Protein backbone atom coordinates (compact mmCIF):
# COMPACT_ATOMS: atom_id res chain seq x y z
CA UNK A 1 -13.74 19.65 21.90
CA UNK A 2 -11.42 19.84 18.90
CA UNK A 3 -9.76 22.96 20.29
CA UNK A 4 -9.34 21.23 23.65
CA UNK A 5 -7.78 18.21 21.99
CA UNK A 6 -5.40 20.27 19.87
CA UNK A 7 -4.32 22.29 22.88
CA UNK A 8 -2.81 19.08 24.26
CA UNK A 9 -0.31 19.03 21.39
CA UNK A 10 3.40 19.50 21.89
CA UNK A 11 4.27 23.17 21.34
CA UNK A 12 7.99 23.90 21.44
CA UNK A 13 10.02 26.84 20.22
CA UNK A 14 12.86 29.31 20.07
CA UNK A 15 13.20 33.00 19.37
CA UNK A 16 13.52 32.60 15.60
CA UNK A 17 9.85 32.56 14.73
CA UNK A 18 9.03 28.96 13.82
CA UNK A 19 8.54 27.66 17.37
CA UNK A 20 6.51 28.88 20.30
CA UNK A 21 8.30 27.77 23.51
CA UNK A 22 11.50 26.01 24.48
CA UNK A 23 11.91 22.31 23.86
CA UNK A 24 13.30 19.90 26.40
CA UNK A 25 16.94 19.15 25.57
CA UNK A 26 19.29 18.17 28.37
CA UNK A 27 23.07 18.61 28.45
CA UNK A 28 25.85 18.06 30.96
CA UNK A 29 28.12 20.54 29.21
CA UNK A 30 29.25 23.86 30.63
CA UNK A 31 26.40 26.36 31.21
CA UNK A 32 28.52 28.96 29.40
CA UNK A 33 27.85 27.20 26.09
CA UNK A 34 25.16 28.80 23.99
CA UNK A 35 22.13 27.23 22.41
CA UNK A 36 20.91 27.02 18.84
CA UNK A 37 17.65 25.86 17.31
CA UNK A 38 17.37 22.48 15.58
CA UNK A 39 14.58 21.54 13.20
CA UNK A 40 14.40 17.79 12.57
CA UNK A 41 12.71 16.75 9.33
CA UNK A 42 11.69 13.23 8.39
CA UNK A 43 10.70 11.68 5.06
CA UNK A 44 10.62 8.33 3.32
CA UNK A 45 11.38 6.39 0.13
CA UNK A 46 8.35 4.09 -0.44
CA UNK A 47 7.95 0.42 -1.30
CA UNK A 48 5.38 -0.98 -3.74
CA UNK A 49 2.24 -2.41 -2.12
CA UNK A 50 3.29 -1.28 1.38
CA UNK A 51 0.67 1.43 1.75
CA UNK A 52 1.40 2.37 5.34
CA UNK A 53 4.29 1.94 7.74
CA UNK A 54 3.55 2.95 11.31
CA UNK A 55 6.22 3.20 13.96
CA UNK A 56 7.09 5.12 17.10
CA UNK A 57 10.20 7.22 17.66
CA UNK A 58 10.94 7.19 21.39
CA UNK A 59 14.34 8.90 21.46
CA UNK A 60 16.85 10.71 19.29
CA UNK A 61 20.41 11.24 20.51
CA UNK A 62 23.11 13.39 18.90
CA UNK A 63 26.74 12.33 19.36
CA UNK A 64 29.34 15.16 19.39
CA UNK A 65 32.08 14.96 16.79
CA UNK A 66 35.18 13.50 18.41
CA UNK A 67 33.18 11.72 21.11
CA UNK A 68 31.49 12.73 24.30
CA UNK A 69 28.12 12.23 25.97
CA UNK A 70 25.20 11.85 23.60
CA UNK A 71 22.60 14.61 23.74
CA UNK A 72 18.90 13.68 23.88
CA UNK A 73 16.93 15.90 21.51
CA UNK A 74 13.35 14.71 21.92
CA UNK A 75 11.24 15.93 24.84
CA UNK A 76 11.31 13.74 27.94
CA UNK A 77 8.70 10.94 28.05
CA UNK A 78 7.37 11.71 24.56
CA UNK A 79 6.55 9.15 21.91
CA UNK A 80 6.47 10.33 18.31
CA UNK A 81 4.08 8.20 16.26
CA UNK A 82 4.63 8.29 12.51
CA UNK A 83 3.10 6.75 9.44
CA UNK A 84 5.90 6.80 6.88
CA UNK A 85 3.36 5.79 4.26
CA UNK A 86 2.13 9.38 4.28
CA UNK A 87 5.66 10.75 3.75
CA UNK A 88 6.55 9.05 0.48
CA UNK A 89 9.26 11.13 -1.18
CA UNK A 90 8.27 14.13 0.94
CA UNK A 91 8.96 15.32 4.48
CA UNK A 92 7.43 16.89 7.55
CA UNK A 93 8.70 18.36 10.81
CA UNK A 94 9.41 15.66 13.37
CA UNK A 95 10.66 17.85 16.20
CA UNK A 96 11.77 21.36 17.12
CA UNK A 97 14.30 21.85 19.91
CA UNK A 98 16.89 24.05 21.55
CA UNK A 99 20.29 22.29 21.39
CA UNK A 100 23.72 23.02 22.87
CA UNK A 101 26.04 24.58 20.29
CA UNK A 102 28.62 22.25 18.79
CA UNK A 103 29.30 19.86 15.92
CA UNK A 104 27.53 16.50 15.82
CA UNK A 105 28.27 13.64 13.44
CA UNK A 106 26.05 10.74 14.54
CA UNK A 107 22.43 10.07 15.51
CA UNK A 108 20.96 7.14 17.42
CA UNK A 109 17.21 6.65 17.19
CA UNK A 110 14.94 4.72 19.50
CA UNK A 111 12.27 2.95 17.41
CA UNK A 112 9.39 0.67 18.38
CA UNK A 113 6.04 -0.87 17.38
CA UNK A 114 6.44 -1.19 13.61
CA UNK A 115 3.24 -2.08 11.74
CA UNK A 116 2.80 -2.50 8.01
CA UNK A 117 -0.37 -2.04 5.97
CA UNK A 118 -0.05 -4.10 2.78
CA UNK A 119 -2.30 -4.18 -0.28
CA UNK A 120 -3.07 -7.82 -1.17
CA UNK A 121 -5.39 -8.38 -4.13
CA UNK A 122 -5.79 -12.08 -3.22
CA UNK A 123 -7.77 -11.17 -0.10
CA UNK A 124 -11.24 -9.68 0.34
CA UNK A 125 -11.07 -6.90 1.27
CA UNK A 126 -7.61 -6.59 -0.33
CA UNK A 127 -5.78 -5.41 2.78
CA UNK A 128 -3.51 -6.93 5.39
CA UNK A 129 -1.99 -5.49 8.54
CA UNK A 130 1.34 -7.02 9.56
CA UNK A 131 2.72 -6.44 13.05
CA UNK A 132 6.42 -6.57 12.33
CA UNK A 133 9.62 -6.27 14.30
CA UNK A 134 12.81 -4.22 14.08
CA UNK A 135 16.03 -6.18 13.77
CA UNK A 136 17.45 -3.37 15.91
CA UNK A 137 15.37 -0.84 17.80
CA UNK A 138 18.26 1.59 18.29
CA UNK A 139 19.86 2.13 14.87
CA UNK A 140 22.78 4.56 14.52
CA UNK A 141 23.88 6.46 11.42
CA UNK A 142 26.42 9.13 10.54
CA UNK A 143 25.40 12.69 9.66
CA UNK A 144 26.80 13.78 6.29
CA UNK A 145 27.94 16.53 6.39
CA UNK A 146 28.25 16.91 10.17
CA UNK A 147 25.60 19.00 11.87
CA UNK A 148 26.81 22.38 13.13
CA UNK A 149 24.66 23.99 15.81
CA UNK A 150 25.65 27.63 16.39
CA UNK A 151 24.59 29.93 19.18
CA UNK A 152 21.38 31.84 18.37
CA UNK A 153 21.14 30.31 14.88
CA UNK A 154 18.87 27.74 13.29
CA UNK A 155 20.03 24.44 11.76
CA UNK A 156 18.12 21.57 10.22
CA UNK A 157 18.63 17.81 10.15
CA UNK A 158 16.94 15.61 7.53
CA UNK A 159 16.15 11.97 8.29
CA UNK A 160 15.36 10.07 5.09
CA UNK A 161 14.00 6.66 5.97
CA UNK A 162 14.43 4.10 3.18
CA UNK A 163 11.44 1.78 3.31
CA UNK A 164 12.61 0.22 0.04
CA UNK A 165 15.78 -1.15 1.67
CA UNK A 166 14.48 -1.56 5.21
CA UNK A 167 11.59 -4.01 4.77
CA UNK A 168 12.55 -7.63 4.11
CA UNK A 169 10.84 -9.48 1.25
CA UNK A 170 10.85 -13.23 0.65
CA UNK A 171 11.73 -14.98 -2.61
CA UNK A 172 8.21 -14.28 -3.91
CA UNK A 173 8.42 -10.58 -3.12
CA UNK A 174 6.10 -10.88 -0.10
CA UNK A 175 6.65 -8.88 3.08
CA UNK A 176 8.11 -11.07 5.85
CA UNK A 177 7.58 -8.67 8.74
CA UNK A 178 11.28 -8.11 9.47
CA UNK A 179 12.48 -4.52 9.32
CA UNK A 180 16.12 -3.45 9.44
CA UNK A 181 16.03 0.36 9.64
CA UNK A 182 18.01 2.02 6.85
CA UNK A 183 18.13 5.80 6.79
CA UNK A 184 20.39 8.66 5.82
CA UNK A 185 21.06 11.82 7.80
CA UNK A 186 21.80 15.12 6.11
CA UNK A 187 22.64 18.34 7.92
CA UNK A 188 21.45 21.65 6.51
CA UNK A 189 23.68 24.19 8.21
CA UNK A 190 22.81 27.92 8.40
CA UNK A 191 23.33 29.98 5.26
CA UNK A 192 21.86 33.37 4.46
CA UNK A 193 21.35 32.37 0.84
CA UNK A 194 19.80 28.93 1.44
CA UNK A 195 16.45 27.88 2.85
CA UNK A 196 16.66 25.24 5.56
CA UNK A 197 13.72 23.22 4.26
CA UNK A 198 11.16 23.09 1.47
CA UNK A 199 7.67 21.61 1.85
CA UNK A 200 5.28 20.79 -0.98
CA UNK A 201 2.52 19.29 1.20
CA UNK A 202 2.61 20.14 4.90
CA UNK A 203 -0.66 19.03 6.51
CA UNK A 204 -2.36 20.02 9.76
CA UNK A 205 -4.95 22.06 11.66
CA UNK A 206 -5.27 25.74 12.51
CA UNK A 207 -4.99 26.34 16.26
CA UNK A 208 -4.93 30.14 16.34
CA UNK A 209 -4.77 33.07 13.91
CA UNK A 210 -2.78 36.32 14.03
CA UNK A 211 -3.74 39.10 11.61
CA UNK A 212 -0.54 41.10 12.15
CA UNK A 213 3.20 40.50 12.51
CA UNK A 214 6.17 42.23 14.11
CA UNK A 215 8.17 41.23 11.03
CA UNK A 216 7.50 43.73 8.20
CA UNK A 217 7.93 40.95 5.62
CA UNK A 218 4.77 39.20 6.86
CA UNK A 219 1.13 40.27 7.09
CA UNK A 220 0.34 37.77 9.87
CA UNK A 221 -0.05 34.03 10.14
CA UNK A 222 -1.41 31.16 12.18
CA UNK A 223 -0.34 28.41 14.55
CA UNK A 224 -0.55 25.07 12.76
CA UNK A 225 -0.83 21.72 14.53
CA UNK A 226 1.02 19.16 12.43
CA UNK A 227 -0.56 15.76 11.98
CA UNK A 228 2.50 13.56 12.20
CA UNK A 229 4.59 13.00 15.30
CA UNK A 230 4.16 12.96 19.02
CA UNK A 231 1.57 11.61 21.40
CA UNK A 232 -0.96 13.06 21.76
CA UNK A 233 -0.24 15.32 18.77
CA UNK A 234 2.54 16.65 16.61
CA UNK A 235 4.47 19.87 17.13
CA UNK A 236 2.74 23.18 16.60
CA UNK A 237 4.52 25.64 14.32
CA UNK A 238 4.02 29.29 13.47
CA UNK A 239 3.21 29.75 9.79
CA UNK A 240 3.99 33.20 8.36
CA UNK A 241 2.14 34.69 5.41
CA UNK A 242 3.57 37.02 2.78
CA UNK A 243 1.38 39.71 1.17
CA UNK A 244 -1.33 38.60 -1.24
CA UNK A 245 -0.14 37.90 -4.78
CA UNK A 246 -2.21 40.72 -6.25
CA UNK A 247 -0.06 43.19 -4.30
CA UNK A 248 3.30 41.43 -4.68
CA UNK A 249 3.26 38.81 -7.47
CA UNK A 250 6.84 37.52 -7.14
CA UNK A 251 7.00 37.08 -3.35
CA UNK A 252 3.58 36.27 -1.99
CA UNK A 253 1.21 33.81 -0.34
CA UNK A 254 -1.87 32.48 -2.12
CA UNK A 255 -4.74 31.37 0.12
CA UNK A 256 -7.59 29.19 -1.15
CA UNK A 257 -10.70 28.07 0.68
CA UNK A 258 -11.09 31.15 2.88
CA UNK A 259 -11.82 34.75 1.86
CA UNK A 260 -9.14 36.31 4.07
CA UNK A 261 -6.79 35.61 6.96
CA UNK A 262 -9.15 37.24 9.47
CA UNK A 263 -11.86 34.76 8.41
CA UNK A 264 -9.68 31.67 8.85
CA UNK A 265 -11.38 29.39 11.41
CA UNK A 266 -9.57 27.44 14.11
CA UNK A 267 -9.91 23.69 13.66
CA UNK A 268 -9.66 24.02 9.88
CA UNK A 269 -7.80 21.21 8.10
CA UNK A 270 -5.29 22.47 5.54
CA UNK A 271 -2.44 21.59 3.21
CA UNK A 272 0.29 24.08 2.41
CA UNK A 273 3.42 24.60 0.37
CA UNK A 274 6.26 26.69 1.75
CA UNK A 275 9.76 26.82 3.15
CA UNK A 276 11.80 27.48 6.29
CA UNK A 277 14.14 30.41 5.69
CA UNK A 278 17.65 30.79 7.11
CA UNK A 279 16.26 32.55 10.20
CA UNK A 280 13.86 29.76 11.04
CA UNK A 281 10.66 31.36 9.76
CA UNK A 282 8.18 28.89 8.26
CA UNK A 283 6.77 30.81 5.28
CA UNK A 284 3.73 29.62 3.32
CA UNK A 285 3.59 30.21 -0.43
CA UNK A 286 0.28 28.40 -0.99
CA UNK A 287 -2.39 27.55 1.60
CA UNK A 288 -5.34 25.28 0.81
CA UNK A 289 -8.00 25.50 3.55
CA UNK A 290 -10.19 22.45 3.00
CA UNK A 291 -12.73 22.01 5.79
CA UNK A 292 -13.41 22.49 9.49
CA UNK A 293 -13.59 19.18 11.33
CA UNK A 294 -15.69 18.17 14.37
CA UNK A 295 -14.77 14.79 15.79
CA UNK A 296 -17.65 14.94 18.31
CA UNK A 297 -20.00 14.75 15.31
CA UNK A 298 -17.94 12.06 13.54
CA UNK A 299 -16.87 14.65 10.98
CA UNK A 300 -13.20 14.14 10.19
CA UNK A 301 -10.69 14.19 7.36
CA UNK A 302 -9.89 10.72 6.04
CA UNK A 303 -6.65 10.46 4.05
CA UNK A 304 -5.99 7.46 1.87
CA UNK A 305 -6.04 5.69 -1.50
CA UNK A 306 -8.97 5.00 -3.81
CA UNK A 307 -9.32 1.21 -4.14
CA UNK A 308 -12.52 0.81 -6.19
CA UNK A 309 -15.23 2.78 -7.99
CA UNK A 310 -18.98 2.07 -8.08
CA UNK A 311 -21.21 3.67 -10.71
CA UNK A 312 -24.96 3.74 -11.13
CA UNK A 313 -26.99 2.63 -14.15
CA UNK A 314 -26.51 6.08 -15.66
CA UNK A 315 -22.74 5.73 -15.44
CA UNK A 316 -22.34 8.34 -12.70
CA UNK A 317 -20.12 7.71 -9.69
CA UNK A 318 -22.09 6.78 -6.56
CA UNK A 319 -19.45 5.33 -4.23
CA UNK A 320 -15.76 4.54 -3.97
CA UNK A 321 -13.60 2.47 -1.64
CA UNK A 322 -10.94 4.27 0.39
CA UNK A 323 -7.93 2.67 2.10
CA UNK A 324 -7.65 4.82 5.24
CA UNK A 325 -4.07 5.79 6.02
CA UNK A 326 -4.96 8.54 8.45
CA UNK A 327 -7.94 9.87 10.39
CA UNK A 328 -7.68 13.52 11.42
CA UNK A 329 -8.39 14.48 14.09
CA UNK A 330 -8.06 11.19 15.91
CA UNK A 331 -11.58 10.64 17.26
CA UNK A 332 -10.21 8.40 20.05
CA UNK A 333 -8.73 11.58 21.56
CA UNK A 334 -12.24 12.96 22.01
CA UNK A 335 -14.37 11.69 24.87
CA UNK A 336 -17.09 9.51 23.40
CA UNK A 337 -15.51 9.51 19.96
CA UNK A 338 -15.48 6.40 17.79
CA UNK A 339 -12.65 5.81 15.39
CA UNK A 340 -12.35 4.76 11.79
CA UNK A 341 -10.07 1.68 11.70
CA UNK A 342 -6.77 2.59 10.09
CA UNK A 343 -5.51 0.46 7.21
CA UNK A 344 -9.08 -0.59 6.52
CA UNK A 345 -11.24 0.09 3.47
CA UNK A 346 -14.32 2.26 4.00
CA UNK A 347 -17.20 3.01 1.64
CA UNK A 348 -17.38 6.67 0.58
CA UNK A 349 -20.78 7.73 -0.72
CA UNK A 350 -20.86 10.71 -3.08
CA UNK A 351 -23.80 12.78 -4.30
CA UNK A 352 -24.53 15.72 -6.56
CA UNK A 353 -23.66 18.04 -3.66
CA UNK A 354 -20.15 16.58 -3.16
CA UNK A 355 -17.48 19.08 -4.23
CA UNK A 356 -14.14 18.13 -5.81
CA UNK A 357 -10.86 20.01 -5.70
CA UNK A 358 -7.09 19.43 -5.89
CA UNK A 359 -4.73 20.59 -3.15
CA UNK A 360 -1.56 21.59 -5.02
CA UNK A 361 -2.76 24.28 -7.41
CA UNK A 362 0.73 25.15 -8.64
CA UNK A 363 1.23 21.56 -9.84
CA UNK A 364 -1.80 21.61 -12.16
CA UNK A 365 0.08 23.35 -14.98
CA UNK A 366 -2.29 21.86 -17.59
CA UNK A 367 -5.41 23.22 -15.83
CA UNK A 368 -7.06 19.80 -15.73
CA UNK A 369 -10.44 19.46 -14.04
CA UNK A 370 -10.93 17.21 -11.02
CA UNK A 371 -14.50 15.94 -10.85
CA UNK A 372 -16.16 12.50 -10.48
CA UNK A 373 -15.05 11.50 -13.97
CA UNK A 374 -11.40 12.24 -13.11
CA UNK A 375 -11.42 10.02 -9.99
CA UNK A 376 -9.43 6.79 -10.41
CA UNK A 377 -8.18 3.78 -8.48
CA UNK A 378 -4.76 4.49 -6.98
CA UNK A 379 -5.25 8.21 -6.39
CA UNK A 380 -4.57 9.59 -2.93
CA UNK A 381 -7.40 11.79 -1.69
CA UNK A 382 -8.67 13.56 1.40
CA UNK A 383 -12.35 12.91 2.11
CA UNK A 384 -14.24 15.37 4.32
CA UNK A 385 -17.64 14.48 5.74
CA UNK A 386 -19.44 12.63 8.57
CA UNK A 387 -18.96 8.91 8.89
CA UNK A 388 -21.15 6.15 10.32
CA UNK A 389 -19.79 3.06 12.02
CA UNK A 390 -22.17 0.14 11.57
CA UNK A 391 -22.78 -2.81 13.90
CA UNK A 392 -20.49 -5.04 11.86
CA UNK A 393 -17.75 -2.37 12.37
CA UNK A 394 -17.79 -1.39 8.71
CA UNK A 395 -17.73 2.34 8.00
CA UNK A 396 -19.54 4.52 5.48
CA UNK A 397 -18.76 8.17 4.81
CA UNK A 398 -21.07 10.82 3.37
CA UNK A 399 -18.53 12.81 1.35
CA UNK A 400 -19.03 16.56 1.40
CA UNK A 401 -15.63 17.32 -0.17
CA UNK A 402 -13.02 15.22 -1.97
CA UNK A 403 -9.53 16.68 -2.44
CA UNK A 404 -6.95 15.15 -4.78
CA UNK A 405 -3.58 15.10 -2.99
CA UNK A 406 -0.07 15.45 -4.28
CA UNK A 407 1.36 11.91 -4.39
CA UNK A 408 4.20 9.80 -5.81
CA UNK A 409 3.91 6.86 -8.17
CA UNK A 410 6.71 4.33 -8.09
CA UNK A 411 7.73 2.35 -11.16
CA UNK A 412 10.00 2.19 -14.19
CA UNK A 413 10.36 4.21 -17.35
CA UNK A 414 8.49 2.50 -20.19
CA UNK A 415 8.78 4.82 -23.20
CA UNK A 416 9.37 8.41 -24.19
CA UNK A 417 6.27 10.06 -25.65
CA UNK A 418 7.49 13.58 -26.34
CA UNK A 419 10.47 15.76 -25.43
CA UNK A 420 10.89 19.50 -25.92
CA UNK A 421 14.01 21.49 -26.76
CA UNK A 422 14.58 22.28 -23.05
CA UNK A 423 14.69 18.49 -22.30
CA UNK A 424 12.19 19.09 -19.48
CA UNK A 425 8.89 19.77 -21.21
CA UNK A 426 7.23 16.68 -22.63
CA UNK A 427 5.84 13.31 -21.59
CA UNK A 428 6.76 9.68 -20.96
CA UNK A 429 5.02 6.47 -19.96
CA UNK A 430 5.59 5.06 -16.46
CA UNK A 431 5.04 1.38 -15.67
CA UNK A 432 3.84 1.45 -12.04
CA UNK A 433 4.77 -1.33 -9.65
CA UNK A 434 1.82 -1.02 -7.25
CA UNK A 435 -0.64 -3.92 -7.65
CA UNK A 436 -3.51 -1.52 -6.96
CA UNK A 437 -2.83 0.14 -10.35
CA UNK A 438 -2.93 -3.24 -12.14
CA UNK A 439 0.08 -2.42 -14.31
CA UNK A 440 -1.79 0.21 -16.33
CA UNK A 441 0.74 2.59 -17.93
CA UNK A 442 0.60 6.16 -16.68
CA UNK A 443 1.24 9.15 -18.91
CA UNK A 444 3.60 11.48 -17.05
CA UNK A 445 3.51 15.07 -18.31
CA UNK A 446 6.31 17.48 -17.41
CA UNK A 447 7.05 21.15 -17.98
CA UNK A 448 9.94 23.55 -17.42
CA UNK A 449 9.06 23.79 -13.72
CA UNK A 450 9.30 20.02 -13.13
CA UNK A 451 12.26 19.11 -10.91
CA UNK A 452 14.46 16.25 -12.16
CA UNK A 453 16.40 14.59 -9.33
CA UNK A 454 19.45 12.49 -10.26
CA UNK A 455 18.48 13.12 -13.89
CA UNK A 456 19.51 15.81 -16.36
CA UNK A 457 16.11 15.68 -18.05
CA UNK A 458 13.72 13.53 -20.08
CA UNK A 459 16.43 12.27 -22.46
CA UNK A 460 18.29 10.69 -19.51
CA UNK A 461 15.42 8.32 -18.63
CA UNK A 462 16.09 4.59 -19.00
CA UNK A 463 14.19 1.40 -18.06
CA UNK A 464 16.59 0.19 -15.37
CA UNK A 465 16.50 2.50 -12.32
CA UNK A 466 13.40 2.87 -10.14
CA UNK A 467 11.53 6.15 -10.57
CA UNK A 468 9.41 8.10 -8.12
CA UNK A 469 7.15 10.56 -9.93
CA UNK A 470 5.45 13.05 -7.61
CA UNK A 471 2.52 15.09 -8.81
CA UNK A 472 -1.24 15.18 -9.39
CA UNK A 473 -2.88 12.23 -11.23
CA UNK A 474 -6.09 12.86 -13.23
CA UNK A 475 -8.08 10.23 -15.11
CA UNK A 476 -8.87 11.37 -18.66
CA UNK A 477 -11.88 9.25 -19.72
CA UNK A 478 -12.25 10.98 -23.10
CA UNK A 479 -8.56 11.46 -23.84
CA UNK A 480 -7.49 14.37 -26.02
CA UNK A 481 -4.45 16.61 -26.36
CA UNK A 482 -2.95 17.97 -23.12
CA UNK A 483 -0.12 20.51 -23.34
CA UNK A 484 0.48 19.38 -26.90
CA UNK A 485 0.65 15.68 -25.92
CA UNK A 486 -1.93 13.26 -27.48
CA UNK A 487 -3.48 11.21 -24.66
CA UNK A 488 -5.61 8.07 -25.32
CA UNK A 489 -9.07 7.80 -23.77
CA UNK A 490 -9.16 6.23 -20.30
CA UNK A 491 -5.57 7.25 -19.47
CA UNK A 492 -4.33 8.22 -16.03
CA UNK A 493 -2.28 11.39 -16.53
CA UNK A 494 0.24 12.51 -13.91
CA UNK A 495 1.21 16.18 -13.94
CA UNK A 496 4.69 15.87 -12.50
CA UNK A 497 6.08 18.24 -9.92
CA UNK A 498 9.18 16.04 -9.58
CA UNK A 499 10.77 13.07 -11.34
CA UNK A 500 13.17 11.32 -8.97
CA UNK A 501 15.49 8.53 -10.13
CA UNK A 502 16.60 6.39 -7.22
CA UNK A 503 20.27 5.51 -7.02
C-alpha cells in the first residue's frame, strides 16, 4: 500500500539527472526558443513559539525581465502543501520544471490556507492551532540577481520565506492570525565551479533503487520521494551515490542504516546530506536510512518536538510528549488508515528495546552519545513505531527508534565561554527565546567546520542581533569537559553546524 501511495507522487524531470520526466510549464513564446531546467528551493526563517506554519502554494509565475507574459512554473491543477515549521533555516526542493530560456526578474506566488501551530504554556495541553489569513494571497517579489534560464542548462531559484517578519504579533507578543508574506528570491545561475544547492537534511522515502549508473562518477542511486510539497506527495528526485568512503575518502557517500545499496528497501524513511551540482545531479554525501514504514499497520515516522519527559521510580525514562509537526507517510492517503492529528501532543512510550541515534553524523564532532539520558525538552526528533488511537482521540506510540534531528535554536548571544586562535573553535551561551525551553541557557560548541553566516567568528558575537544556531542538541546530565570546554551538569549542549546572525 505504501508503494501504491508513493507512486501517486509528482515525478517531473529533465535530461540532467535530477528529474525523471518533464514538468508542465506553458509558454506562448516562439517554439524555436529552447528550454532549460529550473529547480525551485524553499526555506524559512523561524519565529519563536510558532512551531508549525502550514500553507498551500497554488501557483508560481515568472515575469520576464523587461515585461511580457508571466510564465506559470508549477504543474497544472497542483497544490503544494508545505509546513514551513519543518524548514527552519534550511531548505528543500519545492518544484522541478522545464522552463523557456530567458531572463526573469520577478515571481508571483499563489498562497492559501495558512495555519499556525503555536506553543502556549498557559493551556493544557500547551498547544493552539490558529487558522490565519494572508493579507495578500498573491505576493510578488523581485529576483536578485535576475534568474537566467539557458537552453539545456540547469538553474536554481531560492525562496526564503521570512516567518519572523510575516506573522503579525500584538502588543503582548501574541500571534494575531494575520500573515503578510515576506520572502526573498535569489537566483543561482549555472556555473561549472559552483553547486546549485546544498542540503544538510533532505527527508523522504525510497521509491526505487538502482545499483548501477551510466555516469562513471556514481555507483548507482535511488529515487527519493520528498515529504514536502504537492498533493498528494512531493516531487520525486534521483539521488546519486559516490563510491564508498573506504575506496575514495575525499569524494564519497557514507550510508548508515543499511549494509549496502543493493539491500536498500523501498519505503524506507531517510535523511540525507548532499548537493546539486552544476549539471543538475543531486549527489548524496551522507545517507541515514532510519526505518521502513507501513501505514496500513499504523507504523509511521512522527516528526516533532519533545515537550515533556516522564521517568519511573528508578529514574529511567518511560515516556515523553511529542508535538507532532509531520506524519510520514500520511495515513489518510491509505485506504482504512487513521491519522495522527498534526500540531497535537502524543504520548511516546519507550522501553529497553527502543534504539536511539542521531541523523547528522558529521555534525557530532564531539562524539556525544544520544541515549535516554541525553533526551531533553525542546529537541526535534523522529519517532518510528506503531501508534494507537484511543477512543478519546488521544494517541500513544510504541517507540522502536528515536532519531535526534538537526535543528535550529533561535535566541540571543548571552556570553562567550571559550574562543580558540582560529576564532571558530570554542563555545558560547545562547539565551533561547522559545517558551518550551523555559529560558534555560544553552551551551553552543563550535569547531573549525562550523559555518558562521553574517559573522566573522566567535569574537563578533554580540547580544543585540537574533541568532539561529543549527546543529545537534544533547542533554549532558553529568556535565564534564567536552572538546576542552567545561560544561555544568544538566546542560543542554548544541554542537553547531552553523551560527547564523540575522540582519
